[in-house]
Amino acid sequence: MENIVYNELLARGYNVDTGVVEIYEKNREGKTARKQLEVDFVVNQGSQRYYIQVAYDMASKEKQTQEFRSLQSIPDSFKKIVIVNGTKKPWRNEEGFVIMGMKYFLLHIDSLERV
C-alpha cells in the first residue's frame, strides 16, 4: 500500500519524503531516552504540507496507537492524514487527524485537500 500511495503522490506532483520525529521518554530504569518515530510520508507542494501514515488495518487499539503516535509528536499544525485499506470517506477523529480509505484516496485527485 505504501508504494501505491507514494507513486500516486508523485503522479499528483507532490514532493515526497519520509520523516522522522524524535521524542524523549522514560525507559524501564527511569532514565530519559531518545526515540525516533517514523512518518511514512512528508508531502510538500508550494506552501502546503501533509503528514501521511499508511496502515492496512487499524482494527486494534495497539495498531491505532502505533500509527497515531508519530503524528501526535509533530509540533506543527499541518494536516495529518492516515490512509487505511478500504473505501472509507474522509473523516476526522477526536485528535483532528483525517482518516480515509485507499480507494477514496486514489479515486479523488483532491482527496488531500478535502476535510
C-alpha atoms as a PDB file:
ATOM      1  CA  MET A   1       0.000   0.000   0.000  1.00  0.00           C
ATOM      2  CA  GLU A   2       2.816   2.415   0.808  1.00  0.00           C
ATOM      3  CA  ASN A   3       4.285   2.013  -2.677  1.00  0.00           C
ATOM      4  CA  ILE A   4       0.921   2.738  -4.286  1.00  0.00           C
ATOM      5  CA  VAL A   5       0.427   5.869  -2.153  1.00  0.00           C
ATOM      6  CA  TYR A   6       3.987   7.006  -2.871  1.00  0.00           C
ATOM      7  CA  ASN A   7       3.587   6.624  -6.638  1.00  0.00           C
ATOM      8  CA  GLU A   8       0.204   8.361  -6.608  1.00  0.00           C
ATOM      9  CA  LEU A   9       1.610  11.315  -4.657  1.00  0.00           C
ATOM     10  CA  LEU A  10       4.446  11.666  -7.178  1.00  0.00           C
ATOM     11  CA  ALA A  11       1.968  11.473 -10.069  1.00  0.00           C
ATOM     12  CA  ARG A  12      -0.036  14.298  -8.471  1.00  0.00           C
ATOM     13  CA  GLY A  13       3.074  16.482  -8.469  1.00  0.00           C
ATOM     14  CA  TYR A  14       3.957  16.427  -4.775  1.00  0.00           C
ATOM     15  CA  ASN A  15       7.472  16.363  -3.372  1.00  0.00           C
ATOM     16  CA  VAL A  16       7.544  13.268  -1.166  1.00  0.00           C
ATOM     17  CA  ASP A  17       9.953  12.430   1.649  1.00  0.00           C
ATOM     18  CA  THR A  18       9.919  10.121   4.624  1.00  0.00           C
ATOM     19  CA  GLY A  19      10.050  11.696   8.034  1.00  0.00           C
ATOM     20  CA  VAL A  20      11.415  11.045  11.492  1.00  0.00           C
ATOM     21  CA  VAL A  21      10.106  12.553  14.713  1.00  0.00           C
ATOM     22  CA  GLU A  22      12.291  12.448  17.810  1.00  0.00           C
ATOM     23  CA  ILE A  23      10.658  12.014  21.169  1.00  0.00           C
ATOM     24  CA  TYR A  24      12.024  11.634  24.672  1.00  0.00           C
ATOM     25  CA  GLU A  25      10.520   9.158  27.087  1.00  0.00           C
ATOM     26  CA  LYS A  26      11.430   7.295  30.244  1.00  0.00           C
ATOM     27  CA  ASN A  27      12.816   3.803  29.826  1.00  0.00           C
ATOM     28  CA  ARG A  28      12.403   0.903  32.293  1.00  0.00           C
ATOM     29  CA  GLU A  29      15.174   2.229  34.521  1.00  0.00           C
ATOM     30  CA  GLY A  30      13.501   5.638  34.688  1.00  0.00           C
ATOM     31  CA  LYS A  31      16.152   7.324  32.565  1.00  0.00           C
ATOM     32  CA  THR A  32      15.162   9.623  29.726  1.00  0.00           C
ATOM     33  CA  ALA A  33      15.860   8.037  26.367  1.00  0.00           C
ATOM     34  CA  ARG A  34      15.615   9.471  22.864  1.00  0.00           C
ATOM     35  CA  LYS A  35      13.422   7.540  20.452  1.00  0.00           C
ATOM     36  CA  GLN A  36      12.760   8.078  16.756  1.00  0.00           C
ATOM     37  CA  LEU A  37       9.318   7.528  15.251  1.00  0.00           C
ATOM     38  CA  GLU A  38       8.772   7.227  11.517  1.00  0.00           C
ATOM     39  CA  VAL A  39       6.286   9.246   9.498  1.00  0.00           C
ATOM     40  CA  ASP A  40       5.601   7.344   6.277  1.00  0.00           C
ATOM     41  CA  PHE A  41       5.424  10.442   4.067  1.00  0.00           C
ATOM     42  CA  VAL A  42       6.023  14.166   4.408  1.00  0.00           C
ATOM     43  CA  VAL A  43       4.359  15.659   1.347  1.00  0.00           C
ATOM     44  CA  ASN A  44       5.010  19.195   0.108  1.00  0.00           C
ATOM     45  CA  GLN A  45       3.646  21.278  -2.735  1.00  0.00           C
ATOM     46  CA  GLY A  46       4.179  25.004  -2.587  1.00  0.00           C
ATOM     47  CA  SER A  47       3.165  26.187   0.874  1.00  0.00           C
ATOM     48  CA  GLN A  48       1.089  23.070   1.575  1.00  0.00           C
ATOM     49  CA  ARG A  49       2.402  20.209   3.677  1.00  0.00           C
ATOM     50  CA  TYR A  50       0.772  16.946   4.692  1.00  0.00           C
ATOM     51  CA  TYR A  51       1.969  14.201   7.003  1.00  0.00           C
ATOM     52  CA  ILE A  52       0.707  10.809   5.857  1.00  0.00           C
ATOM     53  CA  GLN A  53       0.665   7.433   7.573  1.00  0.00           C
ATOM     54  CA  VAL A  54      -0.407   4.338   5.622  1.00  0.00           C
ATOM     55  CA  ALA A  55      -1.951   1.416   7.520  1.00  0.00           C
ATOM     56  CA  TYR A  56      -3.515  -1.713   6.086  1.00  0.00           C
ATOM     57  CA  ASP A  57      -5.558  -2.397   9.210  1.00  0.00           C
ATOM     58  CA  MET A  58      -6.265  -0.287  12.281  1.00  0.00           C
ATOM     59  CA  ALA A  59      -8.823  -2.507  13.979  1.00  0.00           C
ATOM     60  CA  SER A  60      -6.862  -2.953  17.204  1.00  0.00           C
ATOM     61  CA  LYS A  61      -6.193  -0.226  19.747  1.00  0.00           C
ATOM     62  CA  GLU A  62      -2.480  -1.112  19.676  1.00  0.00           C
ATOM     63  CA  LYS A  63      -2.264  -0.521  15.919  1.00  0.00           C
ATOM     64  CA  GLN A  64      -4.108   2.792  16.226  1.00  0.00           C
ATOM     65  CA  THR A  65      -1.706   3.893  18.955  1.00  0.00           C
ATOM     66  CA  GLN A  66       1.277   2.897  16.804  1.00  0.00           C
ATOM     67  CA  GLU A  67       0.039   4.780  13.736  1.00  0.00           C
ATOM     68  CA  PHE A  68      -1.083   7.913  15.602  1.00  0.00           C
ATOM     69  CA  ARG A  69       1.934   8.229  17.909  1.00  0.00           C
ATOM     70  CA  SER A  70       4.298   9.772  15.380  1.00  0.00           C
ATOM     71  CA  LEU A  71       1.602  12.169  14.143  1.00  0.00           C
ATOM     72  CA  GLN A  72       0.832  13.236  17.716  1.00  0.00           C
ATOM     73  CA  SER A  73       4.502  14.134  18.217  1.00  0.00           C
ATOM     74  CA  ILE A  74       4.723  16.548  15.272  1.00  0.00           C
ATOM     75  CA  PRO A  75       4.777  20.082  16.701  1.00  0.00           C
ATOM     76  CA  ASP A  76       3.129  21.968  13.820  1.00  0.00           C
ATOM     77  CA  SER A  77      -0.443  22.327  12.592  1.00  0.00           C
ATOM     78  CA  PHE A  78      -0.203  20.973   9.040  1.00  0.00           C
ATOM     79  CA  LYS A  79      -2.782  18.346   8.104  1.00  0.00           C
ATOM     80  CA  LYS A  80      -2.098  14.826   9.353  1.00  0.00           C
ATOM     81  CA  ILE A  81      -3.663  12.001   7.335  1.00  0.00           C
ATOM     82  CA  VAL A  82      -3.964   8.242   7.805  1.00  0.00           C
ATOM     83  CA  ILE A  83      -4.783   6.185   4.709  1.00  0.00           C
ATOM     84  CA  VAL A  84      -6.296   2.789   5.513  1.00  0.00           C
ATOM     85  CA  ASN A  85      -7.361  -0.175   3.422  1.00  0.00           C
ATOM     86  CA  GLY A  86     -10.912   0.122   2.144  1.00  0.00           C
ATOM     87  CA  THR A  87     -13.325   2.694   0.776  1.00  0.00           C
ATOM     88  CA  LYS A  88     -13.986   4.953   3.784  1.00  0.00           C
ATOM     89  CA  LYS A  89     -14.823   8.558   3.045  1.00  0.00           C
ATOM     90  CA  PRO A  90     -12.578  11.028   4.881  1.00  0.00           C
ATOM     91  CA  TRP A  91     -13.463  11.862   8.463  1.00  0.00           C
ATOM     92  CA  ARG A  92     -11.653  13.460  11.382  1.00  0.00           C
ATOM     93  CA  ASN A  93     -11.029  11.672  14.634  1.00  0.00           C
ATOM     94  CA  GLU A  94     -11.101  13.418  18.025  1.00  0.00           C
ATOM     95  CA  GLU A  95      -7.447  14.442  17.623  1.00  0.00           C
ATOM     96  CA  GLY A  96      -8.086  16.119  14.284  1.00  0.00           C
ATOM     97  CA  PHE A  97      -6.369  13.502  12.109  1.00  0.00           C
ATOM     98  CA  VAL A  98      -8.023  12.812   8.766  1.00  0.00           C
ATOM     99  CA  ILE A  99      -8.657   9.123   8.119  1.00  0.00           C
ATOM    100  CA  MET A 100      -9.599   7.947   4.623  1.00  0.00           C
ATOM    101  CA  GLY A 101      -9.784   4.735   2.663  1.00  0.00           C
ATOM    102  CA  MET A 102      -7.258   3.857  -0.002  1.00  0.00           C
ATOM    103  CA  LYS A 103      -9.897   3.630  -2.714  1.00  0.00           C
ATOM    104  CA  TYR A 104     -11.194   7.119  -1.850  1.00  0.00           C
ATOM    105  CA  PHE A 105      -7.640   8.497  -1.906  1.00  0.00           C
ATOM    106  CA  LEU A 106      -6.960   7.009  -5.341  1.00  0.00           C
ATOM    107  CA  LEU A 107     -10.255   7.995  -6.963  1.00  0.00           C
ATOM    108  CA  HIS A 108     -10.350  11.635  -5.822  1.00  0.00           C
ATOM    109  CA  ILE A 109      -7.481  13.743  -7.129  1.00  0.00           C
ATOM    110  CA  ASP A 110      -8.184  16.386  -4.461  1.00  0.00           C
ATOM    111  CA  SER A 111      -8.546  13.901  -1.598  1.00  0.00           C
ATOM    112  CA  LEU A 112      -5.772  15.503   0.499  1.00  0.00           C
ATOM    113  CA  GLU A 113      -7.456  18.906   0.393  1.00  0.00           C
ATOM    114  CA  ARG A 114     -10.877  17.578   1.416  1.00  0.00           C
ATOM    115  CA  VAL A 115     -11.969  17.616   5.061  1.00  0.00           C
END
